[in-house]
Protein backbone atom coordinates (compact mmCIF):
# COMPACT_ATOMS: atom_id res chain seq x y z
CA MET A 1 22.28 -9.58 -90.15
CA GLY A 2 20.57 -12.43 -88.43
CA ARG A 3 22.00 -14.09 -85.36
CA SER A 4 22.65 -17.31 -87.24
CA GLN A 5 25.44 -15.48 -89.15
CA GLU A 6 27.13 -14.13 -86.02
CA THR A 7 30.60 -15.35 -85.31
CA PHE A 8 31.57 -16.96 -82.00
CA ASN A 9 33.39 -13.81 -80.88
CA LYS A 10 30.38 -11.56 -81.57
CA LYS A 11 28.15 -13.93 -79.56
CA GLU A 12 30.55 -13.75 -76.61
CA VAL A 13 30.68 -9.98 -76.75
CA ARG A 14 26.88 -9.76 -76.84
CA LYS A 15 26.61 -12.22 -73.91
CA LYS A 16 29.09 -10.14 -71.85
CA LYS A 17 27.16 -6.97 -72.55
CA GLU A 18 23.94 -8.57 -71.44
CA LYS A 19 25.49 -9.91 -68.30
CA LYS A 20 26.95 -6.52 -67.45
CA ARG A 21 23.52 -4.87 -67.91
CA LYS A 22 21.80 -7.44 -65.70
CA ASP A 23 24.47 -7.01 -63.00
CA LYS A 24 24.05 -3.29 -63.12
CA VAL A 25 20.26 -3.56 -62.70
CA ALA A 26 20.75 -5.99 -59.78
CA ARG A 27 23.19 -3.58 -58.03
CA LYS A 28 20.70 -0.72 -58.51
CA LEU A 29 17.89 -2.80 -56.94
CA ALA A 30 20.15 -3.78 -54.02
CA ARG A 31 21.04 -0.13 -53.38
CA LYS A 32 17.39 0.89 -53.38
CA SER A 33 16.47 -1.83 -50.94
CA ASN A 34 19.32 -0.81 -48.56
CA ASP A 35 18.52 2.91 -48.72
CA ASN A 36 15.25 2.35 -46.82
CA ASN A 37 17.12 1.07 -43.79
CA SER A 38 19.54 3.99 -43.39
CA SER A 39 18.65 7.07 -41.41
CA LEU A 40 19.96 10.62 -41.27
CA ASP A 41 21.82 9.89 -38.04
CA ASP A 42 23.84 7.21 -39.79
CA MET A 43 25.03 9.67 -42.39
CA ILE A 44 26.12 12.51 -40.10
CA ALA A 45 29.80 12.92 -39.31
CA TYR A 46 31.38 15.49 -36.94
CA VAL A 47 34.72 17.22 -37.07
CA ASP A 48 36.54 17.82 -33.72
CA GLU A 49 38.84 20.76 -32.95
CA PHE A 50 41.91 18.87 -34.33
CA GLY A 51 40.27 18.25 -37.70
CA ARG A 52 39.56 14.54 -37.12
CA ILE A 53 36.23 13.10 -38.30
CA THR A 54 34.22 11.38 -35.56
CA SER A 55 30.71 9.93 -35.21
CA THR A 56 30.07 11.56 -31.82
CA PRO A 57 28.91 15.17 -31.58
CA PRO A 58 31.31 17.69 -30.03
CA GLU A 59 30.77 18.71 -26.37
CA THR A 60 29.44 22.26 -26.16
CA THR A 61 31.14 22.87 -22.76
CA GLU A 62 34.56 22.86 -24.35
CA LYS A 63 33.64 25.32 -27.11
CA GLU A 64 35.95 28.24 -27.51
CA GLU A 65 34.55 31.53 -28.76
CA ILE A 66 36.42 33.01 -31.74
CA ASN A 67 35.98 36.56 -33.00
CA PRO A 68 35.58 36.42 -36.81
CA GLU A 69 37.34 39.77 -37.12
CA ASP A 70 40.54 38.24 -35.67
CA ILE A 71 40.88 35.71 -38.48
CA GLN A 72 43.33 36.79 -41.16
CA VAL A 73 42.96 35.04 -44.45
CA SER A 74 45.72 36.75 -46.34
CA VAL A 75 48.90 38.70 -45.66
CA PRO A 76 48.08 41.91 -43.76
CA LYS A 77 48.35 44.96 -46.00
CA GLY A 78 50.65 46.87 -43.74
CA SER A 79 53.19 44.07 -43.23
CA PHE A 80 55.77 45.54 -45.65
CA ASN A 81 55.00 49.22 -45.12
CA ASP A 82 56.73 49.21 -41.73
CA ALA A 83 59.93 47.77 -43.21
CA GLU A 84 59.96 50.27 -46.13
CA ASP A 85 61.75 52.91 -44.13
CA GLN A 86 64.43 50.48 -42.84
CA VAL A 87 67.61 49.70 -44.68
CA VAL A 88 68.12 45.92 -44.71
CA LYS A 89 71.33 44.00 -45.42
CA GLY A 90 71.44 40.92 -47.58
CA ILE A 91 73.39 38.75 -49.95
CA VAL A 92 72.58 38.33 -53.67
CA SER A 93 71.68 34.63 -53.96
CA PHE A 94 70.79 34.72 -57.68
CA PHE A 95 71.01 37.35 -60.37
CA ASN A 96 70.54 37.04 -64.14
CA GLU A 97 72.10 39.98 -65.90
CA HIS A 98 70.57 39.10 -69.28
CA LYS A 99 67.02 38.99 -67.98
CA GLY A 100 67.54 41.75 -65.37
CA TYR A 101 66.20 40.12 -62.19
CA GLY A 102 67.31 38.06 -59.21
CA PHE A 103 66.84 37.35 -55.57
CA ILE A 104 68.48 38.71 -52.41
CA ARG A 105 68.57 36.70 -49.20
CA ASN A 106 67.65 38.88 -46.24
CA LEU A 107 70.27 38.37 -43.50
CA LYS A 108 67.74 38.99 -40.69
CA ASN A 109 65.24 36.26 -41.54
CA ASN A 110 66.78 34.29 -44.50
CA GLN A 111 63.83 35.34 -46.65
CA ASN A 112 64.39 35.65 -50.44
CA ILE A 113 63.34 39.02 -51.83
CA PHE A 114 62.84 39.69 -55.57
CA VAL A 115 65.00 42.38 -57.09
CA HIS A 116 64.71 43.92 -60.57
CA ILE A 117 67.62 45.64 -62.43
CA LYS A 118 65.71 48.98 -62.44
CA ASN A 119 65.93 49.12 -58.68
CA VAL A 120 69.72 48.55 -58.55
CA GLU A 121 72.30 51.35 -58.32
CA GLY A 122 75.51 50.07 -59.97
CA LYS A 123 76.26 46.50 -60.90
CA ILE A 124 75.63 43.53 -58.69
CA LYS A 125 76.30 39.79 -59.05
CA GLU A 126 75.80 36.63 -57.05
CA GLY A 127 77.50 36.66 -53.63
CA ASN A 128 77.63 40.47 -53.30
CA ARG A 129 76.63 41.91 -49.93
CA VAL A 130 74.04 44.66 -50.52
CA THR A 131 71.83 47.08 -48.58
CA PHE A 132 68.20 47.61 -49.73
CA GLU A 133 64.75 48.59 -48.68
CA ILE A 134 61.78 46.27 -48.83
CA GLY A 135 58.80 47.69 -50.72
CA GLN A 136 55.77 46.49 -52.73
CA GLY A 137 56.55 45.35 -56.24
CA GLU A 138 54.12 44.46 -59.05
CA LYS A 139 53.49 40.97 -57.69
CA GLY A 140 54.59 41.17 -54.06
CA PRO A 141 57.52 42.29 -51.91
CA ALA A 142 60.54 43.52 -53.80
CA ALA A 143 63.90 45.00 -53.01
CA LEU A 144 64.15 48.77 -53.72
CA ASN A 145 67.20 51.08 -53.75
CA VAL A 146 69.66 48.19 -53.90
CA LYS A 147 73.29 49.32 -53.33
CA LEU A 148 76.53 47.46 -52.87
CA ASP A 149 77.43 47.26 -49.15
CA ASP A 150 80.76 48.89 -48.30
CA ASN A 151 81.67 46.34 -45.57
């Protein structure tokens, strides 16, 4: 189709596309001309001990030595093994009898501990005071040997 048969709208669209392409080329040339002026020092940023980004390098006199072995990335493996032997008291904050699981709020530290029906002796429901041991479940800490508290 020749350009003489183009409609006014098609001409406008073609003009806009050409203008966009020319602007893009002009921006690309401007970036190339500005890149020659920048140096590596202009691009470097430093992070101070508080996590703030600064343009000044940190002072080496205030550097604190850190032993990489002291850094703990995850929960220590033995954190729940110590509590396994203890009997802990708590309150059942949620329990679904149909699905067979729930949560017990530890009275010592208000931490919620998962409980499964297979680790419960007797019947429990929400609001019951229970005694239990903390052990390792399939996906994390879980309540084991859950019994209704006599008090």
